Amino acid sequence: SAFSGCENLEEFICSESLTTICSKAFYGCENLKTFTLPKTLKKIIYDSFEGSHAELFVKDNPYFEIKDNKIAVK
């Protein structure tokens, strides 16, 4: 729940060292508009973005892709 409920968070670009997004990390971040997943990301817990309306992006990640603004395993 690292950023859970953070009302001022609008954009998040992950560090290239990030490998996991834990449960409810961005839960309820209603003002989050964009989130960019790094190519190093290997694990995302299913409820990480619950309650967030962010547009999701992927930077050359071999494990995940975005389909209909949802994270999908390749």
PDB file of N, CA and C in Angstrom:
ATOM      1  N   SER A   1       0.816  -1.200   0.000  1.00  0.00           N
ATOM      2  CA  SER A   1       0.000   0.000   0.000  1.00  0.00           C
ATOM      3  C   SER A   1       0.859   1.263   0.000  1.00  0.00           C
ATOM      4  N   ALA A   2       1.960   1.210  -0.695  1.00  0.00           N
ATOM      5  CA  ALA A   2       2.952   2.293  -0.654  1.00  0.00           C
ATOM      6  C   ALA A   2       2.377   3.674  -0.970  1.00  0.00           C
ATOM      7  N   PHE A   3       1.530   3.770  -1.989  1.00  0.00           N
ATOM      8  CA  PHE A   3       0.972   5.064  -2.389  1.00  0.00           C
ATOM      9  C   PHE A   3      -0.547   5.078  -2.265  1.00  0.00           C
ATOM     10  N   SER A   4      -1.098   4.131  -1.563  1.00  0.00           N
ATOM     11  CA  SER A   4      -2.542   3.985  -1.413  1.00  0.00           C
ATOM     12  C   SER A   4      -3.196   5.275  -0.940  1.00  0.00           C
ATOM     13  N   GLY A   5      -4.200   5.725  -1.690  1.00  0.00           N
ATOM     14  CA  GLY A   5      -4.965   6.907  -1.319  1.00  0.00           C
ATOM     15  C   GLY A   5      -4.255   8.229  -1.538  1.00  0.00           C
ATOM     16  N   CYS A   6      -3.134   8.207  -2.219  1.00  0.00           N
ATOM     17  CA  CYS A   6      -2.386   9.448  -2.464  1.00  0.00           C
ATOM     18  C   CYS A   6      -3.149  10.310  -3.473  1.00  0.00           C
ATOM     19  N   GLU A   7      -3.770  11.372  -3.001  1.00  0.00           N
ATOM     20  CA  GLU A   7      -4.632  12.203  -3.832  1.00  0.00           C
ATOM     21  C   GLU A   7      -3.867  13.110  -4.793  1.00  0.00           C
ATOM     22  N   ASN A   8      -2.618  13.421  -4.503  1.00  0.00           N
ATOM     23  CA  ASN A   8      -1.844  14.342  -5.341  1.00  0.00           C
ATOM     24  C   ASN A   8      -1.030  13.644  -6.426  1.00  0.00           C
ATOM     25  N   LEU A   9      -0.984  12.342  -6.390  1.00  0.00           N
ATOM     26  CA  LEU A   9      -0.202  11.597  -7.372  1.00  0.00           C
ATOM     27  C   LEU A   9      -0.925  11.572  -8.717  1.00  0.00           C
ATOM     28  N   GLU A  10      -0.299  12.136  -9.760  1.00  0.00           N
ATOM     29  CA  GLU A  10      -0.913  12.200 -11.086  1.00  0.00           C
ATOM     30  C   GLU A  10      -0.168  11.365 -12.121  1.00  0.00           C
ATOM     31  N   GLU A  11       1.134  11.229 -11.956  1.00  0.00           N
ATOM     32  CA  GLU A  11       1.938  10.476 -12.919  1.00  0.00           C
ATOM     33  C   GLU A  11       2.985   9.683 -12.152  1.00  0.00           C
ATOM     34  N   PHE A  12       3.253   8.462 -12.604  1.00  0.00           N
ATOM     35  CA  PHE A  12       4.266   7.643 -11.951  1.00  0.00           C
ATOM     36  C   PHE A  12       5.064   6.922 -13.019  1.00  0.00           C
ATOM     37  N   ILE A  13       6.365   7.152 -13.014  1.00  0.00           N
ATOM     38  CA  ILE A  13       7.281   6.457 -13.916  1.00  0.00           C
ATOM     39  C   ILE A  13       8.215   5.662 -13.025  1.00  0.00           C
ATOM     40  N   CYS A  14       8.147   4.346 -13.128  1.00  0.00           N
ATOM     41  CA  CYS A  14       8.918   3.470 -12.248  1.00  0.00           C
ATOM     42  C   CYS A  14      10.395   3.479 -12.575  1.00  0.00           C
ATOM     43  N   SER A  15      11.169   3.270 -11.549  1.00  0.00           N
ATOM     44  CA  SER A  15      12.602   3.091 -11.696  1.00  0.00           C
ATOM     45  C   SER A  15      12.866   1.795 -12.454  1.00  0.00           C
ATOM     46  N   GLU A  16      13.917   1.747 -13.223  1.00  0.00           N
ATOM     47  CA  GLU A  16      14.275   0.527 -13.962  1.00  0.00           C
ATOM     48  C   GLU A  16      14.710  -0.601 -13.039  1.00  0.00           C
ATOM     49  N   SER A  17      14.861  -0.333 -11.755  1.00  0.00           N
ATOM     50  CA  SER A  17      15.242  -1.392 -10.815  1.00  0.00           C
ATOM     51  C   SER A  17      14.022  -2.083 -10.191  1.00  0.00           C
ATOM     52  N   LEU A  18      12.824  -1.563 -10.443  1.00  0.00           N
ATOM     53  CA  LEU A  18      11.611  -2.136  -9.855  1.00  0.00           C
ATOM     54  C   LEU A  18      11.309  -3.498 -10.475  1.00  0.00           C
ATOM     55  N   THR A  19      11.083  -4.516  -9.624  1.00  0.00           N
ATOM     56  CA  THR A  19      10.759  -5.854 -10.120  1.00  0.00           C
ATOM     57  C   THR A  19       9.365  -6.317  -9.713  1.00  0.00           C
ATOM     58  N   THR A  20       8.778  -5.705  -8.670  1.00  0.00           N
ATOM     59  CA  THR A  20       7.475  -6.143  -8.157  1.00  0.00           C
ATOM     60  C   THR A  20       6.629  -4.943  -7.739  1.00  0.00           C
ATOM     61  N   ILE A  21       5.332  -4.999  -8.066  1.00  0.00           N
ATOM     62  CA  ILE A  21       4.373  -4.022  -7.535  1.00  0.00           C
ATOM     63  C   ILE A  21       3.459  -4.799  -6.606  1.00  0.00           C
ATOM     64  N   CYS A  22       3.488  -4.444  -5.344  1.00  0.00           N
ATOM     65  CA  CYS A  22       2.788  -5.206  -4.311  1.00  0.00           C
ATOM     66  C   CYS A  22       1.306  -4.838  -4.208  1.00  0.00           C
ATOM     67  N   SER A  23       0.619  -5.588  -3.385  1.00  0.00           N
ATOM     68  CA  SER A  23      -0.818  -5.439  -3.188  1.00  0.00           C
ATOM     69  C   SER A  23      -1.207  -4.018  -2.808  1.00  0.00           C
ATOM     70  N   LYS A  24      -2.196  -3.503  -3.499  1.00  0.00           N
ATOM     71  CA  LYS A  24      -2.804  -2.191  -3.255  1.00  0.00           C
ATOM     72  C   LYS A  24      -1.800  -1.042  -3.243  1.00  0.00           C
ATOM     73  N   ALA A  25      -0.719  -1.192  -3.969  1.00  0.00           N
ATOM     74  CA  ALA A  25       0.326  -0.160  -4.004  1.00  0.00           C
ATOM     75  C   ALA A  25      -0.229   1.193  -4.444  1.00  0.00           C
ATOM     76  N   PHE A  26      -1.170   1.193  -5.386  1.00  0.00           N
ATOM     77  CA  PHE A  26      -1.753   2.437  -5.900  1.00  0.00           C
ATOM     78  C   PHE A  26      -3.272   2.435  -5.732  1.00  0.00           C
ATOM     79  N   TYR A  27      -3.734   1.711  -4.750  1.00  0.00           N
ATOM     80  CA  TYR A  27      -5.162   1.599  -4.468  1.00  0.00           C
ATOM     81  C   TYR A  27      -5.774   2.977  -4.196  1.00  0.00           C
ATOM     82  N   GLY A  28      -6.841   3.285  -4.892  1.00  0.00           N
ATOM     83  CA  GLY A  28      -7.574   4.519  -4.645  1.00  0.00           C
ATOM     84  C   GLY A  28      -6.869   5.796  -5.072  1.00  0.00           C
ATOM     85  N   CYS A  29      -5.851   5.695  -5.882  1.00  0.00           N
ATOM     86  CA  CYS A  29      -5.163   6.895  -6.389  1.00  0.00           C
ATOM     87  C   CYS A  29      -6.004   7.455  -7.538  1.00  0.00           C
ATOM     88  N   GLU A  30      -7.081   8.103  -7.198  1.00  0.00           N
ATOM     89  CA  GLU A  30      -8.078   8.547  -8.172  1.00  0.00           C
ATOM     90  C   GLU A  30      -7.560   9.583  -9.159  1.00  0.00           C
ATOM     91  N   ASN A  31      -6.540  10.334  -8.805  1.00  0.00           N
ATOM     92  CA  ASN A  31      -6.005  11.353  -9.710  1.00  0.00           C
ATOM     93  C   ASN A  31      -4.806  10.873 -10.523  1.00  0.00           C
ATOM     94  N   LEU A  32      -4.410   9.622 -10.330  1.00  0.00           N
ATOM     95  CA  LEU A  32      -3.306   9.071 -11.102  1.00  0.00           C
ATOM     96  C   LEU A  32      -3.747   8.937 -12.559  1.00  0.00           C
ATOM     97  N   LYS A  33      -3.066   9.666 -13.450  1.00  0.00           N
ATOM     98  CA  LYS A  33      -3.463   9.694 -14.861  1.00  0.00           C
ATOM     99  C   LYS A  33      -2.631   8.749 -15.716  1.00  0.00           C
ATOM    100  N   THR A  34      -1.331   8.658 -15.451  1.00  0.00           N
ATOM    101  CA  THR A  34      -0.476   7.764 -16.237  1.00  0.00           C
ATOM    102  C   THR A  34       0.474   7.000 -15.328  1.00  0.00           C
ATOM    103  N   PHE A  35       0.737   5.767 -15.723  1.00  0.00           N
ATOM    104  CA  PHE A  35       1.647   4.906 -14.983  1.00  0.00           C
ATOM    105  C   PHE A  35       2.451   4.127 -16.010  1.00  0.00           C
ATOM    106  N   THR A  36       3.772   4.235 -15.933  1.00  0.00           N
ATOM    107  CA  THR A  36       4.644   3.553 -16.888  1.00  0.00           C
ATOM    108  C   THR A  36       5.377   2.415 -16.187  1.00  0.00           C
ATOM    109  N   LEU A  37       5.156   1.189 -16.680  1.00  0.00           N
ATOM    110  CA  LEU A  37       5.804   0.003 -16.128  1.00  0.00           C
ATOM    111  C   LEU A  37       7.184  -0.155 -16.752  1.00  0.00           C
ATOM    112  N   PRO A  38       8.213  -0.422 -15.957  1.00  0.00           N
ATOM    113  CA  PRO A  38       9.550  -0.588 -16.520  1.00  0.00           C
ATOM    114  C   PRO A  38       9.740  -1.978 -17.128  1.00  0.00           C
ATOM    115  N   LYS A  39      10.756  -2.126 -17.941  1.00  0.00           N
ATOM    116  CA  LYS A  39      11.033  -3.424 -18.559  1.00  0.00           C
ATOM    117  C   LYS A  39      11.519  -4.454 -17.549  1.00  0.00           C
ATOM    118  N   THR A  40      11.946  -4.008 -16.370  1.00  0.00           N
ATOM    119  CA  THR A  40      12.458  -4.917 -15.341  1.00  0.00           C
ATOM    120  C   THR A  40      11.356  -5.547 -14.493  1.00  0.00           C
ATOM    121  N   LEU A  41      10.127  -5.057 -14.609  1.00  0.00           N
ATOM    122  CA  LEU A  41       9.018  -5.540 -13.784  1.00  0.00           C
ATOM    123  C   LEU A  41       8.683  -6.990 -14.122  1.00  0.00           C
ATOM    124  N   LYS A  42       8.661  -7.850 -13.082  1.00  0.00           N
ATOM    125  CA  LYS A  42       8.392  -9.272 -13.283  1.00  0.00           C
ATOM    126  C   LYS A  42       7.125  -9.752 -12.591  1.00  0.00           C
ATOM    127  N   LYS A  43       6.659  -9.010 -11.581  1.00  0.00           N
ATOM    128  CA  LYS A  43       5.506  -9.466 -10.810  1.00  0.00           C
ATOM    129  C   LYS A  43       4.625  -8.281 -10.433  1.00  0.00           C
ATOM    130  N   ILE A  44       3.298  -8.441 -10.653  1.00  0.00           N
ATOM    131  CA  ILE A  44       2.312  -7.431 -10.274  1.00  0.00           C
ATOM    132  C   ILE A  44       1.197  -8.156  -9.528  1.00  0.00           C
ATOM    133  N   ILE A  45       0.911  -7.733  -8.320  1.00  0.00           N
ATOM    134  CA  ILE A  45      -0.187  -8.324  -7.560  1.00  0.00           C
ATOM    135  C   ILE A  45      -1.498  -7.778  -8.135  1.00  0.00           C
ATOM    136  N   TYR A  46      -2.495  -8.636  -8.281  1.00  0.00           N
ATOM    137  CA  TYR A  46      -3.717  -8.331  -9.031  1.00  0.00           C
ATOM    138  C   TYR A  46      -4.432  -7.049  -8.604  1.00  0.00           C
ATOM    139  N   ASP A  47      -4.365  -6.671  -7.336  1.00  0.00           N
ATOM    140  CA  ASP A  47      -5.131  -5.508  -6.878  1.00  0.00           C
ATOM    141  C   ASP A  47      -4.276  -4.244  -6.723  1.00  0.00           C
ATOM    142  N   SER A  48      -3.127  -4.219  -7.362  1.00  0.00           N
ATOM    143  CA  SER A  48      -2.189  -3.091  -7.232  1.00  0.00           C
ATOM    144  C   SER A  48      -2.789  -1.749  -7.626  1.00  0.00           C
ATOM    145  N   PHE A  49      -3.652  -1.750  -8.653  1.00  0.00           N
ATOM    146  CA  PHE A  49      -4.201  -0.497  -9.191  1.00  0.00           C
ATOM    147  C   PHE A  49      -5.699  -0.354  -8.945  1.00  0.00           C
ATOM    148  N   GLU A  50      -6.261  -1.152  -8.064  1.00  0.00           N
ATOM    149  CA  GLU A  50      -7.695  -1.101  -7.780  1.00  0.00           C
ATOM    150  C   GLU A  50      -8.094   0.303  -7.320  1.00  0.00           C
ATOM    151  N   GLY A  51      -9.131   0.835  -7.910  1.00  0.00           N
ATOM    152  CA  GLY A  51      -9.603   2.166  -7.554  1.00  0.00           C
ATOM    153  C   GLY A  51      -8.853   3.296  -8.238  1.00  0.00           C
ATOM    154  N   SER A  52      -7.922   2.950  -9.103  1.00  0.00           N
ATOM    155  CA  SER A  52      -7.164   3.950  -9.853  1.00  0.00           C
ATOM    156  C   SER A  52      -7.681   3.958 -11.287  1.00  0.00           C
ATOM    157  N   HIS A  53      -7.624   5.118 -11.928  1.00  0.00           N
ATOM    158  CA  HIS A  53      -8.114   5.226 -13.305  1.00  0.00           C
ATOM    159  C   HIS A  53      -6.982   5.586 -14.262  1.00  0.00           C
ATOM    160  N   ALA A  54      -5.773   5.230 -13.902  1.00  0.00           N
ATOM    161  CA  ALA A  54      -4.600   5.610 -14.691  1.00  0.00           C
ATOM    162  C   ALA A  54      -4.556   4.901 -16.034  1.00  0.00           C
ATOM    163  N   GLU A  55      -4.027   5.604 -17.027  1.00  0.00           N
ATOM    164  CA  GLU A  55      -3.720   4.973 -18.301  1.00  0.00           C
ATOM    165  C   GLU A  55      -2.361   4.307 -18.124  1.00  0.00           C
ATOM    166  N   LEU A  56      -2.289   3.030 -18.456  1.00  0.00           N
ATOM    167  CA  LEU A  56      -1.084   2.251 -18.219  1.00  0.00           C
ATOM    168  C   LEU A  56      -0.221   2.155 -19.470  1.00  0.00           C
ATOM    169  N   PHE A  57       1.082   2.228 -19.275  1.00  0.00           N
ATOM    170  CA  PHE A  57       2.049   2.114 -20.365  1.00  0.00           C
ATOM    171  C   PHE A  57       3.123   1.104 -19.983  1.00  0.00           C
ATOM    172  N   VAL A  58       3.715   0.449 -20.977  1.00  0.00           N
ATOM    173  CA  VAL A  58       4.792  -0.513 -20.759  1.00  0.00           C
ATOM    174  C   VAL A  58       5.988  -0.118 -21.606  1.00  0.00           C
ATOM    175  N   LYS A  59       7.178  -0.141 -20.992  1.00  0.00           N
ATOM    176  CA  LYS A  59       8.418   0.153 -21.707  1.00  0.00           C
ATOM    177  C   LYS A  59       9.175  -1.143 -21.969  1.00  0.00           C
ATOM    178  N   ASP A  60       8.983  -1.753 -23.126  1.00  0.00           N
ATOM    179  CA  ASP A  60       9.744  -2.937 -23.552  1.00  0.00           C
ATOM    180  C   ASP A  60       9.805  -4.042 -22.499  1.00  0.00           C
ATOM    181  N   ASN A  61       8.711  -4.309 -21.822  1.00  0.00           N
ATOM    182  CA  ASN A  61       8.694  -5.342 -20.793  1.00  0.00           C
ATOM    183  C   ASN A  61       8.452  -6.706 -21.440  1.00  0.00           C
ATOM    184  N   PRO A  62       9.320  -7.690 -21.156  1.00  0.00           N
ATOM    185  CA  PRO A  62       9.158  -9.007 -21.765  1.00  0.00           C
ATOM    186  C   PRO A  62       8.050  -9.855 -21.147  1.00  0.00           C
ATOM    187  N   TYR A  63       7.498  -9.436 -20.002  1.00  0.00           N
ATOM    188  CA  TYR A  63       6.518 -10.235 -19.275  1.00  0.00           C
ATOM    189  C   TYR A  63       5.084  -9.749 -19.406  1.00  0.00           C
ATOM    190  N   PHE A  64       4.914  -8.428 -19.558  1.00  0.00           N
ATOM    191  CA  PHE A  64       3.576  -7.851 -19.558  1.00  0.00           C
ATOM    192  C   PHE A  64       3.327  -6.978 -20.775  1.00  0.00           C
ATOM    193  N   GLU A  65       2.040  -6.838 -21.112  1.00  0.00           N
ATOM    194  CA  GLU A  65       1.609  -5.910 -22.144  1.00  0.00           C
ATOM    195  C   GLU A  65       0.302  -5.281 -21.670  1.00  0.00           C
ATOM    196  N   ILE A  66      -0.131  -4.243 -22.344  1.00  0.00           N
ATOM    197  CA  ILE A  66      -1.377  -3.571 -21.977  1.00  0.00           C
ATOM    198  C   ILE A  66      -2.434  -3.888 -23.043  1.00  0.00           C
ATOM    199  N   LYS A  67      -3.570  -4.390 -22.597  1.00  0.00           N
ATOM    200  CA  LYS A  67      -4.702  -4.672 -23.484  1.00  0.00           C
ATOM    201  C   LYS A  67      -5.934  -4.034 -22.865  1.00  0.00           C
ATOM    202  N   ASP A  68      -6.562  -3.119 -23.618  1.00  0.00           N
ATOM    203  CA  ASP A  68      -7.739  -2.401 -23.112  1.00  0.00           C
ATOM    204  C   ASP A  68      -7.456  -1.747 -21.754  1.00  0.00           C
ATOM    205  N   ASN A  69      -6.275  -1.163 -21.648  1.00  0.00           N
ATOM    206  CA  ASN A  69      -5.787  -0.475 -20.451  1.00  0.00           C
ATOM    207  C   ASN A  69      -5.758  -1.393 -19.221  1.00  0.00           C
ATOM    208  N   LYS A  70      -5.539  -2.686 -19.452  1.00  0.00           N
ATOM    209  CA  LYS A  70      -5.355  -3.635 -18.362  1.00  0.00           C
ATOM    210  C   LYS A  70      -4.051  -4.372 -18.590  1.00  0.00           C
ATOM    211  N   ILE A  71      -3.399  -4.710 -17.510  1.00  0.00           N
ATOM    212  CA  ILE A  71      -2.125  -5.412 -17.585  1.00  0.00           C
ATOM    213  C   ILE A  71      -2.398  -6.866 -17.916  1.00  0.00           C
ATOM    214  N   ALA A  72      -1.705  -7.363 -18.938  1.00  0.00           N
ATOM    215  CA  ALA A  72      -1.863  -8.752 -19.354  1.00  0.00           C
ATOM    216  C   ALA A  72      -0.491  -9.421 -19.430  1.00  0.00           C
ATOM    217  N   VAL A  73      -0.444 -10.670 -19.075  1.00  0.00           N
ATOM    218  CA  VAL A  73       0.791 -11.438 -19.166  1.00  0.00           C
ATOM    219  C   VAL A  73       0.986 -11.839 -20.623  1.00  0.00           C
ATOM    220  N   LYS A  74       2.211 -11.698 -21.107  1.00  0.00           N
ATOM    221  CA  LYS A  74       2.507 -12.083 -22.509  1.00  0.00           C
ATOM    222  C   LYS A  74       2.508 -13.584 -22.659  1.00  0.00           C
TER     223      LYS A  74
END
